[in-house]
Protein backbone atom coordinates (compact mmCIF):
# COMPACT_ATOMS: atom_id res chain seq x y z
CA MET A 1 20.21 15.33 7.88
CA GLN A 2 23.92 16.53 7.59
CA VAL A 3 25.11 18.29 4.68
CA ALA A 4 28.70 19.11 3.40
CA VAL A 5 28.97 22.37 1.65
CA TRP A 6 31.32 22.65 -1.12
CA ASP A 7 32.83 26.27 -1.68
CA THR A 8 32.79 26.54 -5.58
CA PHE A 9 34.18 29.40 -7.73
CA VAL A 10 34.02 28.91 -11.68
CA LYS A 11 35.02 31.36 -14.49
CA ARG A 12 32.31 32.19 -16.70
CA GLY A 13 32.81 32.61 -20.50
CA ASP A 14 32.06 35.97 -20.08
CA GLY A 15 35.28 36.41 -17.65
CA ARG A 16 32.82 37.11 -14.47
CA THR A 17 33.67 34.63 -11.70
CA MET A 18 30.53 32.44 -10.59
CA HIS A 19 30.39 31.71 -6.91
CA PHE A 20 28.22 28.90 -5.40
CA ASP A 21 28.04 26.14 -2.77
CA ILE A 22 27.20 22.47 -4.05
CA ILE A 23 25.17 21.16 -1.12
CA ALA A 24 24.87 17.47 -0.75
CA PRO A 25 24.54 14.86 1.87
CA ALA A 26 27.66 14.61 4.30
CA GLU A 27 28.07 11.12 3.54
CA ILE A 28 29.05 11.86 -0.30
CA LYS A 29 32.90 11.90 0.06
CA ASP A 30 34.23 11.31 -3.56
CA ALA A 31 34.83 14.64 -5.00
CA ALA A 32 34.26 13.42 -8.16
CA VAL A 33 30.49 12.98 -7.49
CA ILE A 34 30.25 16.78 -6.25
CA TYR A 35 32.13 18.04 -9.33
CA GLY A 36 29.81 16.18 -11.42
CA TYR A 37 26.76 17.68 -9.20
CA GLY A 38 28.99 20.94 -10.30
CA ARG A 39 28.99 20.20 -13.60
CA ASP A 40 25.23 19.46 -14.12
CA TYR A 41 24.93 22.81 -12.71
CA LEU A 42 26.75 24.60 -15.11
CA LYS A 43 25.37 22.90 -18.03
CA GLU A 44 21.88 24.12 -16.75
CA LYS A 45 23.32 27.82 -16.70
CA GLY A 46 24.96 27.25 -20.33
CA GLU A 47 28.75 27.46 -18.83
CA ASP A 48 29.56 23.57 -19.44
CA SER A 49 32.41 24.11 -21.27
CA GLN A 50 33.77 25.73 -18.26
CA THR A 51 36.39 23.38 -15.92
CA LEU A 52 35.59 22.27 -12.70
CA THR A 53 38.25 20.35 -10.59
CA SER A 54 39.80 20.82 -6.96
CA ASN A 55 40.95 24.23 -8.19
CA GLU A 56 37.63 25.77 -8.27
CA CYS A 57 35.68 23.49 -5.89
CA SER A 58 36.61 22.32 -2.42
CA PHE A 59 35.16 20.88 0.64
CA CYS A 60 34.14 24.19 3.28
CA HIS A 61 32.13 22.48 6.20
CA VAL A 62 29.39 20.32 7.44
CA ASP A 63 26.02 21.69 8.14
CA GLU A 64 22.55 20.82 9.32
CA VAL A 65 20.48 20.90 6.07
CA GLN A 66 17.82 24.00 5.38
CA PRO A 67 14.31 22.90 4.59
CA GLN A 68 14.53 24.90 1.32
CA TRP A 69 17.47 22.25 0.44
CA VAL A 70 15.52 19.23 1.11
CA LYS A 71 13.61 18.85 -2.05
CA ALA A 72 16.15 19.32 -4.52
CA ILE A 73 18.48 17.17 -2.31
CA GLU A 74 15.88 14.41 -2.43
CA GLU A 75 15.41 14.79 -6.56
CA LYS A 76 18.79 15.45 -7.58
CA GLY A 77 21.32 14.71 -4.88
CA TYR A 78 22.29 18.16 -3.95
CA PHE A 79 21.25 21.56 -3.91
CA ILE A 80 23.25 24.47 -5.45
CA TYR A 81 23.03 27.61 -3.28
CA GLU A 82 23.99 30.90 -5.63
CA MET A 83 26.37 33.66 -4.07
CA GLU A 84 27.95 35.52 -7.02
CA ASN A 85 27.31 35.95 -10.72
CA CYS A 86 25.00 32.67 -11.29
CA ASP A 87 22.67 34.80 -13.24
């Protein structure tokens, strides 16, 4: 399966910047759908008041799905790869 990786930087309420990738099936081309996935994730993290638009999230590249991403993609439609300040 091919997946699209969307590089995302969101300013947290405490001023730190969260850096994470939204990973979704490559056939999803609608940025609004991807932003919705990002907003769902931010809500889970208690950061749902933060902005998520094309200024914070942009398409990066297409890659092969990694085995550890498959379950989340099958269940939710996406996987979040956390990199910085996502705790």
